[in-house]
């Protein structure tokens, strides 16, 4: 699958400790519940990065929408009153029209303003804006002393023209992007003169997510368990896994398929039409297929440890699935669609299949189901790769990038040397070389 994309991961170790001591402010999408009870990945990403910062002596604050049952999760919560958290279609169109003529997106600005105003006017540290590129301009406008750091988890540039993308790159202090294709989409036909943009793959906690110590068979048999975790929606592809299970069963393979999650990713969800069709498709397999509606963040690690093979059958271009990293860290043999950012995460440590050729998924799973030793070796490879992408490593990569940008800014602020000074520098260099 190739080597990791060049970015911040190959930088030198940080020598200056100042960035770790600074307070950081995180702004996740304000419609999200910041809680372990949420199945959404974005609050989990923020909580993980905030925890790493706090562990190193920094202070983390998270801006959240007032009125939801948030959990502090080790950070200080700044609750704000939000009149709305989404724009109407008409408002989105108006904003796009304004952006195309070089103006700011005013409807979005009015909506996000309460969150931006929660940042203290004198704050000079990083404000991490998750999946909210237009918020960079609003933060610059309302809190010019803060450092807007955009953390991109999806392809967000569809309505951003070349000029607006160029302004974004110039306005942001730093932009962390979850995979190389999304980074390339941002920088298409523009230049990143300051080196503000960096690819930052997501991470995992290898302590929370670890292989099971010994076999744990709930059903009293020795059948390997194939696991899916995530939203049970069409783009996540669980239907491909159910179809593959039917073919594997017909071929005589013994296994159990466990599908964990729901479309709503919350307790007691109502089944969507897609979920009802999924259950009907699995009915001929009987107890070989088990549906578990929802497991929150407090229990999900155990769900991985009760499985043998993990599958990410996404039919869309998955940016950087957190569940894949969790399955890898849990020591499971992993199979994933060869789409989006998944190959950049797994590299050679996992197996891939082509969603346009369903038999490639059947073949990948059959090879693992038939060979217990190969499952163990594949699990070891996956675990080793996940350890390279720990949240501790991800945090250090962020700090390296921020420190490097600060140094470039400091040097840019230095006055140009006078002509005598230039000549003296040339003379010193010549003397050293000679």
Protein backbone atom coordinates (compact mmCIF):
# COMPACT_ATOMS: atom_id res chain seq x y z
CA UNK A 1 0.00 0.00 0.00
CA UNK A 2 3.03 2.27 -0.03
CA UNK A 3 4.69 4.37 2.62
CA UNK A 4 2.93 6.92 4.86
CA UNK A 5 2.32 10.25 3.18
CA UNK A 6 4.93 12.91 3.91
CA UNK A 7 3.69 15.24 6.58
CA UNK A 8 4.21 15.97 10.21
CA UNK A 9 4.98 12.40 11.26
CA UNK A 10 8.57 12.53 10.00
CA UNK A 11 9.49 15.73 11.84
CA UNK A 12 12.26 15.93 14.42
CA UNK A 13 11.41 15.53 18.12
CA UNK A 14 10.17 18.62 19.94
CA UNK A 15 12.74 20.39 22.09
CA UNK A 16 10.71 23.37 23.23
CA UNK A 17 8.14 22.52 25.90
CA UNK A 18 6.16 25.79 25.68
CA UNK A 19 3.35 24.47 23.44
CA UNK A 20 2.51 21.74 25.95
CA UNK A 21 2.02 24.25 28.75
CA UNK A 22 -0.35 26.49 26.79
CA UNK A 23 -4.09 26.22 27.27
CA UNK A 24 -5.90 24.79 24.26
CA UNK A 25 -9.55 25.30 23.33
CA UNK A 26 -11.46 22.74 21.26
CA UNK A 27 -14.62 23.46 19.27
CA UNK A 28 -16.24 20.20 18.13
CA UNK A 29 -19.39 20.35 15.98
CA UNK A 30 -21.86 22.03 18.31
CA UNK A 31 -24.73 19.70 17.49
CA UNK A 32 -22.74 16.77 18.94
CA UNK A 33 -23.13 15.31 22.41
CA UNK A 34 -19.74 15.44 24.12
CA UNK A 35 -20.10 12.25 26.11
CA UNK A 36 -19.03 8.62 26.32
CA UNK A 37 -22.70 7.82 25.63
CA UNK A 38 -22.34 9.17 22.10
CA UNK A 39 -21.40 6.83 19.28
CA UNK A 40 -20.06 9.67 17.15
CA UNK A 41 -16.33 9.61 16.48
CA UNK A 42 -15.78 13.40 16.58
CA UNK A 43 -16.29 13.88 20.35
CA UNK A 44 -14.06 10.85 20.91
CA UNK A 45 -11.28 12.38 18.81
CA UNK A 46 -11.49 15.67 20.71
CA UNK A 47 -11.54 13.92 24.09
CA UNK A 48 -8.47 11.87 23.19
CA UNK A 49 -6.41 14.85 22.03
CA UNK A 50 -7.54 16.98 24.99
CA UNK A 51 -6.59 14.20 27.38
CA UNK A 52 -3.07 13.97 25.91
CA UNK A 53 -2.64 17.71 26.31
CA UNK A 54 -3.82 17.59 29.93
CA UNK A 55 -1.54 14.65 30.75
CA UNK A 56 1.44 16.78 29.73
CA UNK A 57 0.52 19.65 32.02
CA UNK A 58 -1.61 21.70 29.63
CA UNK A 59 -5.15 22.90 30.18
CA UNK A 60 -7.93 21.89 27.80
CA UNK A 61 -11.32 23.55 27.39
CA UNK A 62 -14.12 22.31 25.14
CA UNK A 63 -16.89 24.58 23.86
CA UNK A 64 -20.24 22.77 23.86
CA UNK A 65 -23.88 23.59 23.28
CA UNK A 66 -25.79 24.28 26.48
CA UNK A 67 -28.71 22.00 27.25
CA UNK A 68 -27.19 18.63 26.32
CA UNK A 69 -25.96 16.05 28.84
CA UNK A 70 -22.26 16.55 28.19
CA UNK A 71 -19.43 14.99 30.21
CA UNK A 72 -16.26 16.92 31.06
CA UNK A 73 -14.00 13.91 30.33
CA UNK A 74 -11.06 15.64 32.02
CA UNK A 75 -11.53 19.02 30.34
CA UNK A 76 -13.24 22.24 31.28
CA UNK A 77 -16.54 22.65 29.47
CA UNK A 78 -17.56 26.08 28.18
CA UNK A 79 -21.31 25.85 27.57
CA UNK A 80 -22.86 28.36 25.17
CA UNK A 81 -26.42 29.08 24.08
CA UNK A 82 -26.79 28.20 20.41
CA UNK A 83 -29.99 29.27 18.68
CA UNK A 84 -29.26 26.81 15.87
CA UNK A 85 -26.48 24.41 14.84
CA UNK A 86 -27.34 23.88 11.17
CA UNK A 87 -28.14 26.19 8.29
CA UNK A 88 -31.12 25.94 6.00
CA UNK A 89 -30.57 25.17 2.34
CA UNK A 90 -31.33 28.79 1.45
CA UNK A 91 -28.79 30.05 4.00
CA UNK A 92 -26.13 27.68 2.67
CA UNK A 93 -26.73 28.90 -0.87
CA UNK A 94 -26.50 32.51 0.25
CA UNK A 95 -23.20 31.83 1.99
CA UNK A 96 -21.74 30.10 -1.05
CA UNK A 97 -22.72 33.07 -3.22
CA UNK A 98 -21.01 35.47 -0.80
CA UNK A 99 -17.88 33.33 -0.66
CA UNK A 100 -17.60 33.25 -4.44
CA UNK A 101 -17.22 37.04 -4.54
CA UNK A 102 -14.67 37.08 -1.73
CA UNK A 103 -16.98 37.85 1.22
CA UNK A 104 -17.34 35.91 4.44
CA UNK A 105 -20.15 33.43 4.96
CA UNK A 106 -22.45 35.66 7.01
CA UNK A 107 -25.20 33.15 7.82
CA UNK A 108 -22.64 30.73 9.19
CA UNK A 109 -20.94 33.59 11.02
CA UNK A 110 -24.14 34.53 12.84
CA UNK A 111 -24.73 30.91 13.80
CA UNK A 112 -21.21 30.22 15.14
CA UNK A 113 -20.73 33.61 16.82
CA UNK A 114 -21.79 32.49 20.34
CA UNK A 115 -19.16 29.76 20.29
CA UNK A 116 -16.42 32.10 19.05
CA UNK A 117 -17.32 34.66 21.70
CA UNK A 118 -16.79 31.99 24.37
CA UNK A 119 -13.07 32.24 23.56
CA UNK A 120 -11.60 34.88 25.92
CA UNK A 121 -10.70 38.09 24.00
CA UNK A 122 -7.10 37.93 25.28
CA UNK A 123 -6.61 34.24 24.46
CA UNK A 124 -3.47 33.66 22.38
CA UNK A 125 -3.30 29.88 22.24
CA UNK A 126 -4.58 27.30 19.74
CA UNK A 127 -8.32 27.06 19.13
CA UNK A 128 -8.94 23.69 17.47
CA UNK A 129 -11.95 23.94 15.14
CA UNK A 130 -13.20 20.49 14.16
CA UNK A 131 -14.65 20.16 10.64
CA UNK A 132 -15.49 23.87 10.49
CA UNK A 133 -13.37 25.68 7.88
CA UNK A 134 -15.53 28.82 7.74
CA UNK A 135 -15.07 29.22 11.52
CA UNK A 136 -11.41 30.05 10.84
CA UNK A 137 -12.44 33.38 9.30
CA UNK A 138 -14.86 34.14 12.15
CA UNK A 139 -12.24 33.41 14.78
CA UNK A 140 -9.77 35.70 13.01
CA UNK A 141 -12.41 38.41 12.87
CA UNK A 142 -13.69 38.20 16.46
CA UNK A 143 -10.62 36.89 18.33
CA UNK A 144 -7.59 38.07 16.33
CA UNK A 145 -5.10 37.09 19.03
CA UNK A 146 -6.10 33.40 19.01
CA UNK A 147 -4.51 30.80 16.73
CA UNK A 148 -7.16 29.08 14.60
CA UNK A 149 -6.20 25.44 14.05
CA UNK A 150 -8.53 23.57 11.72
CA UNK A 151 -8.86 19.78 12.24
CA UNK A 152 -10.42 18.23 9.14
CA UNK A 153 -12.07 14.81 9.34
CA UNK A 154 -14.05 14.83 6.08
CA UNK A 155 -13.91 16.19 2.56
CA UNK A 156 -15.27 19.70 3.19
CA UNK A 157 -14.22 21.60 0.07
CA UNK A 158 -17.14 20.97 -2.29
CA UNK A 159 -18.47 24.53 -1.98
CA UNK A 160 -15.05 26.16 -1.48
CA UNK A 161 -13.62 27.72 -4.62
CA UNK A 162 -9.93 28.20 -5.25
CA UNK A 163 -9.82 31.75 -3.85
CA UNK A 164 -11.66 30.84 -0.66
CA UNK A 165 -9.42 27.83 -0.13
CA UNK A 166 -6.37 30.05 -0.60
CA UNK A 167 -7.73 32.51 1.97
CA UNK A 168 -8.38 29.64 4.35
CA UNK A 169 -4.81 28.37 4.11
CA UNK A 170 -3.48 31.89 4.71
CA UNK A 171 -5.88 32.61 7.60
CA UNK A 172 -5.46 29.40 9.58
CA UNK A 173 -2.52 29.11 11.92
CA UNK A 174 -2.45 25.37 11.19
CA UNK A 175 -4.59 22.85 9.32
CA UNK A 176 -4.49 19.18 10.32
CA UNK A 177 -6.05 16.93 7.69
CA UNK A 178 -6.96 13.31 8.27
CA UNK A 179 -5.63 11.87 5.00
CA UNK A 180 -3.63 12.76 1.92
CA UNK A 181 -6.47 12.87 -0.66
CA UNK A 182 -8.39 15.42 1.44
CA UNK A 183 -5.22 17.48 1.88
CA UNK A 184 -4.66 17.39 -1.88
CA UNK A 185 -8.25 18.53 -2.46
CA UNK A 186 -7.70 21.58 -0.27
CA UNK A 187 -4.43 22.52 -1.97
CA UNK A 188 -5.59 21.90 -5.55
CA UNK A 189 -4.36 24.83 -7.68
CA UNK A 190 -3.16 26.80 -4.65
CA UNK A 191 0.08 26.94 -2.65
CA UNK A 192 0.72 26.49 1.05
CA UNK A 193 3.53 29.03 1.42
CA UNK A 194 3.84 28.71 5.21
CA UNK A 195 3.56 24.93 5.36
CA UNK A 196 0.43 25.30 7.50
CA UNK A 197 -1.23 22.11 6.21
CA UNK A 198 -0.23 18.71 7.54
CA UNK A 199 -1.61 15.20 7.21
CA UNK A 200 -2.52 13.87 10.66
CA UNK A 201 -3.94 10.36 10.72
CA UNK A 202 -6.28 9.60 13.59
CA UNK A 203 -5.03 7.70 16.61
CA UNK A 204 -6.01 5.08 19.15
CA UNK A 205 -5.30 4.37 22.80
CA UNK A 206 -3.40 1.05 22.82
CA UNK A 207 -3.98 0.72 26.57
CA UNK A 208 -7.77 0.91 26.39
CA UNK A 209 -7.86 -1.14 23.17
CA UNK A 210 -5.69 -4.22 23.55
CA UNK A 211 -5.86 -7.90 22.59
CA UNK A 212 -7.68 -10.30 24.87
CA UNK A 213 -5.46 -12.28 27.21
CA UNK A 214 -7.13 -15.63 26.51
CA UNK A 215 -9.94 -17.03 24.34
CA UNK A 216 -13.39 -15.98 25.54
CA UNK A 217 -16.17 -17.86 23.79
CA UNK A 218 -19.61 -16.66 24.85
CA UNK A 219 -21.50 -19.39 22.99
CA UNK A 220 -19.40 -22.30 24.20
CA UNK A 221 -18.04 -23.05 20.71
CA UNK A 222 -14.77 -22.34 18.96
CA UNK A 223 -16.20 -20.53 15.95
CA UNK A 224 -14.31 -17.36 15.00
CA UNK A 225 -16.30 -14.13 15.29
CA UNK A 226 -16.33 -11.58 12.45
CA UNK A 227 -17.15 -8.12 13.80
CA UNK A 228 -18.60 -4.92 12.34
CA UNK A 229 -18.76 -1.75 14.49
CA UNK A 230 -20.29 1.53 13.33
CA UNK A 231 -23.34 3.21 11.94
CA UNK A 232 -25.59 0.68 10.27
CA UNK A 233 -26.15 2.77 7.16
CA UNK A 234 -25.65 1.90 3.51
CA UNK A 235 -22.43 3.92 3.10
CA UNK A 236 -20.81 1.91 5.91
CA UNK A 237 -21.47 -1.29 3.97
CA UNK A 238 -22.78 -3.85 6.51
CA UNK A 239 -24.99 -5.28 3.73
CA UNK A 240 -21.80 -6.31 1.90
CA UNK A 241 -20.73 -8.21 5.00
CA UNK A 242 -24.09 -9.99 5.34
CA UNK A 243 -23.95 -11.02 1.67
CA UNK A 244 -20.38 -12.26 2.13
CA UNK A 245 -21.50 -14.21 5.21
CA UNK A 246 -24.16 -15.99 3.16
CA UNK A 247 -21.55 -17.05 0.57
CA UNK A 248 -19.11 -18.15 3.26
CA UNK A 249 -21.80 -20.22 4.95
CA UNK A 250 -22.65 -21.86 1.63
CA UNK A 251 -18.94 -22.71 1.20
CA UNK A 252 -18.97 -24.52 4.53
CA UNK A 253 -17.02 -22.06 6.67
CA UNK A 254 -17.84 -21.97 10.36
CA UNK A 255 -18.09 -18.52 11.91
CA UNK A 256 -20.34 -16.02 13.65
CA UNK A 257 -21.02 -12.50 12.39
CA UNK A 258 -21.68 -9.78 14.96
CA UNK A 259 -22.92 -6.35 13.83
CA UNK A 260 -22.63 -3.69 16.55
CA UNK A 261 -24.19 -0.28 16.05
CA UNK A 262 -27.24 1.55 14.81
CA UNK A 263 -28.04 4.26 12.30
CA UNK A 264 -28.74 6.70 15.13
CA UNK A 265 -25.74 5.57 17.24
CA UNK A 266 -27.69 5.92 20.49
CA UNK A 267 -29.60 3.81 23.00
CA UNK A 268 -32.99 2.37 22.00
CA UNK A 269 -32.96 3.49 18.37
CA UNK A 270 -35.85 2.94 15.99
CA UNK A 271 -34.84 0.79 13.07
CA UNK A 272 -34.54 2.53 9.72
CA UNK A 273 -35.84 0.87 6.53
CA UNK A 274 -32.25 -0.02 5.65
CA UNK A 275 -31.73 -1.72 9.04
CA UNK A 276 -34.93 -3.73 8.64
CA UNK A 277 -33.78 -4.90 5.19
CA UNK A 278 -30.41 -5.81 6.66
CA UNK A 279 -32.03 -8.02 9.29
CA UNK A 280 -34.25 -9.71 6.71
CA UNK A 281 -31.20 -10.46 4.57
CA UNK A 282 -29.47 -12.06 7.58
CA UNK A 283 -32.47 -14.15 8.64
CA UNK A 284 -31.56 -17.27 6.58
CA UNK A 285 -28.28 -17.48 8.51
CA UNK A 286 -30.12 -17.89 11.81
CA UNK A 287 -28.02 -17.51 14.92
CA UNK A 288 -24.85 -17.18 12.85
CA UNK A 289 -25.61 -13.43 12.68
CA UNK A 290 -26.14 -11.32 15.78
CA UNK A 291 -27.23 -7.67 15.88
CA UNK A 292 -26.21 -5.54 18.87
CA UNK A 293 -28.00 -2.20 18.64
CA UNK A 294 -25.54 0.09 20.43
CA UNK A 295 -22.49 -0.04 22.69
CA UNK A 296 -21.18 3.24 24.11
CA UNK A 297 -17.56 4.28 24.50
CA UNK A 298 -17.32 2.71 27.94
CA UNK A 299 -18.03 -0.78 26.66
CA UNK A 300 -16.86 -0.82 23.07
CA UNK A 301 -13.32 -2.05 23.81
CA UNK A 302 -14.74 -5.28 25.26
CA UNK A 303 -16.79 -5.77 22.11
CA UNK A 304 -13.59 -5.86 20.05
CA UNK A 305 -11.89 -8.29 22.43
CA UNK A 306 -14.74 -10.78 21.98
CA UNK A 307 -14.04 -11.05 18.24
CA UNK A 308 -11.37 -12.54 15.97
CA UNK A 309 -11.74 -10.69 12.65
CA UNK A 310 -12.73 -7.07 12.14
CA UNK A 311 -14.18 -5.75 8.91
CA UNK A 312 -14.66 -2.19 7.59
CA UNK A 313 -16.75 -2.69 4.41
CA UNK A 314 -17.42 1.01 3.69
CA UNK A 315 -18.69 1.74 0.19
CA UNK A 316 -17.88 5.46 0.45
CA UNK A 317 -14.40 6.96 0.61
CA UNK A 318 -13.93 6.54 4.36
CA UNK A 319 -11.55 9.31 5.52
CA UNK A 320 -9.85 7.61 8.48
CA UNK A 321 -12.14 5.22 10.32
CA UNK A 322 -11.59 5.31 14.06
CA UNK A 323 -13.10 1.83 14.31
CA UNK A 324 -10.36 0.42 12.08
CA UNK A 325 -7.69 1.73 14.42
CA UNK A 326 -9.56 0.31 17.41
CA UNK A 327 -9.89 -3.10 15.77
CA UNK A 328 -6.20 -3.10 14.88
CA UNK A 329 -5.16 -2.09 18.40
CA UNK A 330 -7.35 -4.91 19.76
CA UNK A 331 -5.20 -7.40 17.87
CA UNK A 332 -7.88 -8.47 15.39
CA UNK A 333 -7.12 -9.64 11.89
CA UNK A 334 -8.53 -6.74 9.85
CA UNK A 335 -10.17 -6.55 6.43
CA UNK A 336 -11.10 -3.17 4.94
CA UNK A 337 -12.37 -1.66 1.72
CA UNK A 338 -9.58 -0.27 -0.43
CA UNK A 339 -11.13 3.19 -0.39
CA UNK A 340 -10.50 6.69 0.92
CA UNK A 341 -7.94 6.92 3.69
CA UNK A 342 -8.19 3.29 4.88
CA UNK A 343 -5.05 2.06 3.02
CA UNK A 344 -3.12 5.00 4.46
CA UNK A 345 -4.06 3.82 7.95
CA UNK A 346 -3.53 0.09 7.57
CA UNK A 347 -0.60 0.07 5.13
CA UNK A 348 0.57 -3.56 4.77
CA UNK A 349 -0.81 -4.62 8.16
CA UNK A 350 -4.33 -5.46 6.98
CA UNK A 351 -6.11 -7.04 4.02
CA UNK A 352 -8.11 -5.04 1.49
CA UNK A 353 -10.95 -5.79 -0.88
CA UNK A 354 -12.58 -4.05 -3.83
CA UNK A 355 -16.17 -2.98 -3.07
CA UNK A 356 -16.96 -3.25 -6.80
CA UNK A 357 -16.01 -6.96 -6.66
CA UNK A 358 -17.83 -8.51 -3.68
CA UNK A 359 -16.07 -11.85 -4.13
CA UNK A 360 -12.81 -10.20 -3.05
CA UNK A 361 -14.35 -9.66 0.38
CA UNK A 362 -15.47 -13.29 0.51
CA UNK A 363 -11.98 -14.44 -0.44
CA UNK A 364 -10.24 -12.23 2.16
CA UNK A 365 -12.52 -13.46 4.94
CA UNK A 366 -12.32 -17.10 3.81
CA UNK A 367 -8.51 -17.07 4.00
CA UNK A 368 -8.64 -15.84 7.60
CA UNK A 369 -11.46 -18.12 8.67
CA UNK A 370 -9.64 -21.17 7.35
CA UNK A 371 -6.29 -20.50 9.05
CA UNK A 372 -6.12 -19.82 12.79
CA UNK A 373 -2.36 -19.19 12.67
CA UNK A 374 -2.72 -16.63 9.90
CA UNK A 375 -5.42 -14.87 11.92
CA UNK A 376 -2.97 -14.62 14.82
CA UNK A 377 -0.17 -13.30 12.60
CA UNK A 378 -2.53 -10.78 10.97
CA UNK A 379 -3.67 -9.63 14.41
CA UNK A 380 -0.05 -9.10 15.48
CA UNK A 381 0.66 -7.03 12.36
CA UNK A 382 -2.43 -4.93 12.94
CA UNK A 383 -1.53 -4.34 16.59
CA UNK A 384 2.01 -3.26 15.68
CA UNK A 385 0.71 -0.74 13.14
CA UNK A 386 -1.83 0.63 15.64
CA UNK A 387 0.91 1.18 18.21
CA UNK A 388 2.61 3.48 15.68
CA UNK A 389 -0.58 5.60 15.65
CA UNK A 390 -1.22 6.00 19.37
CA UNK A 391 -2.90 9.19 20.53
CA UNK A 392 0.32 10.00 22.37
CA UNK A 393 2.16 9.89 19.04
CA UNK A 394 -0.56 11.93 17.33
CA UNK A 395 -0.34 14.61 20.03
CA UNK A 396 3.44 14.83 19.73
CA UNK A 397 3.06 15.24 15.96
CA UNK A 398 0.65 18.14 16.50
CA UNK A 399 3.02 19.83 18.92
CA UNK A 400 5.95 19.42 16.53
CA UNK A 401 3.96 21.08 13.77
CA UNK A 402 2.76 23.96 15.95
CA UNK A 403 6.24 24.59 17.30
CA UNK A 404 7.64 24.61 13.79
CA UNK A 405 5.05 27.13 12.63
CA UNK A 406 5.75 29.35 15.65
CA UNK A 407 9.45 29.32 14.82
CA UNK A 408 8.77 30.30 11.21
CA UNK A 409 6.53 33.15 12.36
CA UNK A 410 9.20 34.35 14.81
CA UNK A 411 11.82 34.37 12.06
CA UNK A 412 9.43 36.16 9.70
CA UNK A 413 9.05 38.93 12.28
CA UNK A 414 12.81 39.51 12.48
CA UNK A 415 14.03 42.61 10.60
CA UNK A 416 15.90 42.13 7.37
CA UNK A 417 19.68 42.30 7.93
CA UNK A 418 21.48 45.38 6.67
CA UNK A 419 23.93 45.12 3.80
CA UNK A 420 27.02 45.23 6.11
CA UNK A 421 25.49 42.42 8.16
CA UNK A 422 24.90 40.35 5.05
CA UNK A 423 28.51 40.84 4.00
CA UNK A 424 29.72 39.87 7.45
CA UNK A 425 27.64 36.70 7.30
CA UNK A 426 29.07 35.82 3.90
CA UNK A 427 32.58 36.43 5.20
CA UNK A 428 32.01 34.21 8.24
CA UNK A 429 30.62 31.43 6.04
CA UNK A 430 33.54 31.68 3.63
CA UNK A 431 36.03 31.58 6.51
CA UNK A 432 34.32 28.49 7.95
CA UNK A 433 34.31 26.66 4.62
CA UNK A 434 37.97 27.51 3.94
